[in-house]
Amino acid sequence: MADEDEDASTTPSRTAAKKTAAKRTTAKTTARTTEKSRDDEGLPSAMEVLRGARAQLSELIGMPAESVSSFERSEDGWQLRIEVLELNRVPDTMSLLASYEVELDPRGELTGYRRLRRYERGRADKGN
């Protein structure tokens, strides 16, 4: 009798675990299908574009790209804003960062960039 109670109490959690695993599998399959359809068109995924843009900009300017703060697809390709560490200082809150606008073609190749502003890491934008 104790074994039956134990099996009955674990069945709902096993069922929930199976449902969660099924959802993950579906999400992975959907992501792969989306990536394949982009590959079939010869175009990179958004994540590939973001990674590539950071690497290309870093190589061109010789400074590490820290993050992508915005991106969007445009008629001519992609437009991103990338934050770059320009001068590392101690303490870190005094380091100088810069925000770069980066333009890429539809395949993710960098076609242009410009620095928009420089700022200290510890400073917030002033309100309007």
Protein backbone atom coordinates (compact mmCIF):
# COMPACT_ATOMS: atom_id res chain seq x y z
CA MET A 1 0.00 0.00 0.00
CA ALA A 2 2.84 2.40 0.82
CA ASP A 3 4.37 1.73 -2.62
CA GLU A 4 1.09 2.63 -4.33
CA ASP A 5 0.87 5.92 -2.38
CA GLU A 6 4.46 6.75 -3.31
CA ASP A 7 3.86 6.04 -7.01
CA ALA A 8 0.67 8.10 -7.00
CA SER A 9 2.42 11.07 -5.39
CA THR A 10 5.33 11.07 -7.87
CA THR A 11 3.24 10.60 -11.01
CA PRO A 12 2.09 14.26 -11.28
CA SER A 13 5.67 15.55 -10.96
CA ARG A 14 6.88 13.07 -13.58
CA THR A 15 4.08 14.15 -15.88
CA ALA A 16 5.00 17.81 -15.38
CA ALA A 17 8.66 17.01 -16.08
CA LYS A 18 7.70 15.22 -19.30
CA LYS A 19 5.57 18.19 -20.40
CA THR A 20 8.44 20.60 -19.69
CA ALA A 21 10.86 18.41 -21.66
CA ALA A 22 8.38 18.28 -24.56
CA LYS A 23 8.12 22.09 -24.57
CA ARG A 24 11.91 22.42 -24.66
CA THR A 25 12.13 19.98 -27.56
CA THR A 26 9.47 21.91 -29.47
CA ALA A 27 11.27 25.22 -28.85
CA LYS A 28 14.60 23.76 -30.04
CA THR A 29 12.96 22.32 -33.15
CA THR A 30 11.32 25.66 -33.93
CA ALA A 31 14.64 27.47 -33.50
CA ARG A 32 16.41 24.98 -35.80
CA THR A 33 13.67 25.30 -38.41
CA THR A 34 13.96 29.09 -38.32
CA GLU A 35 17.76 28.89 -38.64
CA LYS A 36 17.48 26.44 -41.55
CA SER A 37 15.06 28.70 -43.40
CA ARG A 38 17.54 31.60 -43.00
CA ASP A 39 20.39 29.34 -44.10
CA ASP A 40 18.39 28.32 -47.16
CA GLU A 41 18.10 32.00 -48.06
CA GLY A 42 21.82 32.47 -47.43
CA LEU A 43 21.18 35.04 -44.69
CA PRO A 44 22.58 34.84 -41.16
CA SER A 45 20.37 34.73 -38.07
CA ALA A 46 20.10 37.80 -35.84
CA MET A 47 22.48 36.25 -33.27
CA GLU A 48 25.06 35.54 -35.97
CA VAL A 49 24.80 39.15 -37.13
CA LEU A 50 25.24 40.48 -33.57
CA ARG A 51 28.28 38.31 -32.86
CA GLY A 52 29.83 39.12 -36.22
CA ALA A 53 29.27 42.87 -35.84
CA ARG A 54 30.98 42.91 -32.43
CA ALA A 55 33.96 40.98 -33.80
CA GLN A 56 34.28 43.14 -36.94
CA LEU A 57 34.09 46.43 -35.05
CA SER A 58 36.59 45.26 -32.42
CA GLU A 59 39.03 44.24 -35.13
CA LEU A 60 38.69 47.55 -36.97
CA ILE A 61 39.07 49.90 -34.00
CA GLY A 62 41.35 47.70 -31.89
CA MET A 63 39.19 47.94 -28.76
CA PRO A 64 36.87 45.38 -27.18
CA ALA A 65 33.15 45.57 -27.90
CA GLU A 66 31.32 45.02 -24.63
CA SER A 67 27.70 44.76 -25.68
CA VAL A 68 25.09 45.45 -28.31
CA SER A 69 22.64 47.97 -26.88
CA SER A 70 20.27 48.05 -29.85
CA PHE A 71 19.78 46.51 -33.28
CA GLU A 72 17.23 46.47 -36.04
CA ARG A 73 16.88 45.14 -39.53
CA SER A 74 16.62 47.86 -42.17
CA GLU A 75 15.93 47.86 -45.90
CA ASP A 76 19.67 47.85 -46.59
CA GLY A 77 20.70 45.32 -43.93
CA TRP A 78 21.18 45.89 -40.21
CA GLN A 79 21.76 48.87 -37.92
CA LEU A 80 23.28 48.32 -34.48
CA ARG A 81 24.52 50.33 -31.54
CA ILE A 82 27.55 48.74 -29.87
CA GLU A 83 29.17 49.77 -26.59
CA VAL A 84 32.99 49.67 -26.67
CA LEU A 85 35.55 49.88 -23.87
CA GLU A 86 37.88 52.68 -25.05
CA LEU A 87 39.94 53.27 -21.92
CA ASN A 88 40.18 50.88 -18.99
CA ARG A 89 40.67 52.70 -15.66
CA VAL A 90 40.75 51.82 -11.98
CA PRO A 91 38.25 51.86 -10.46
CA ASP A 92 36.22 50.30 -13.27
CA THR A 93 33.45 52.89 -12.84
CA MET A 94 35.86 55.49 -14.23
CA SER A 95 36.56 53.52 -17.45
CA LEU A 96 35.65 55.29 -20.69
CA LEU A 97 33.13 53.64 -22.96
CA ALA A 98 31.83 54.75 -26.33
CA SER A 99 28.63 54.05 -28.19
CA TYR A 100 29.11 53.23 -31.89
CA GLU A 101 26.46 53.10 -34.59
CA VAL A 102 27.26 50.23 -36.94
CA GLU A 103 25.72 49.49 -40.33
CA LEU A 104 25.84 46.07 -41.94
CA ASP A 105 24.65 44.66 -45.24
CA PRO A 106 21.98 41.89 -45.28
CA ARG A 107 24.70 39.22 -44.96
CA GLY A 108 26.15 40.84 -41.82
CA GLU A 109 29.24 42.43 -43.35
CA LEU A 110 30.16 45.79 -41.81
CA THR A 111 29.61 48.65 -44.26
CA GLY A 112 30.14 51.61 -41.95
CA TYR A 113 30.40 52.82 -38.37
CA ARG A 114 30.68 56.02 -36.38
CA ARG A 115 31.18 56.92 -32.74
CA LEU A 116 28.11 58.62 -31.30
CA ARG A 117 29.35 59.50 -27.82
CA ARG A 118 31.88 58.75 -25.07
CA TYR A 119 31.01 58.38 -21.41
CA GLU A 120 32.32 57.10 -18.08
CA ARG A 121 31.00 53.69 -17.10
CA GLY A 122 29.66 54.98 -13.79
CA ARG A 123 27.63 57.83 -15.31
CA ALA A 124 23.97 57.53 -16.21
CA ASP A 125 22.33 59.44 -19.05
CA LYS A 126 20.84 62.75 -17.99
CA GLY A 127 17.06 63.08 -18.25
CA ASN A 128 15.42 65.14 -20.95
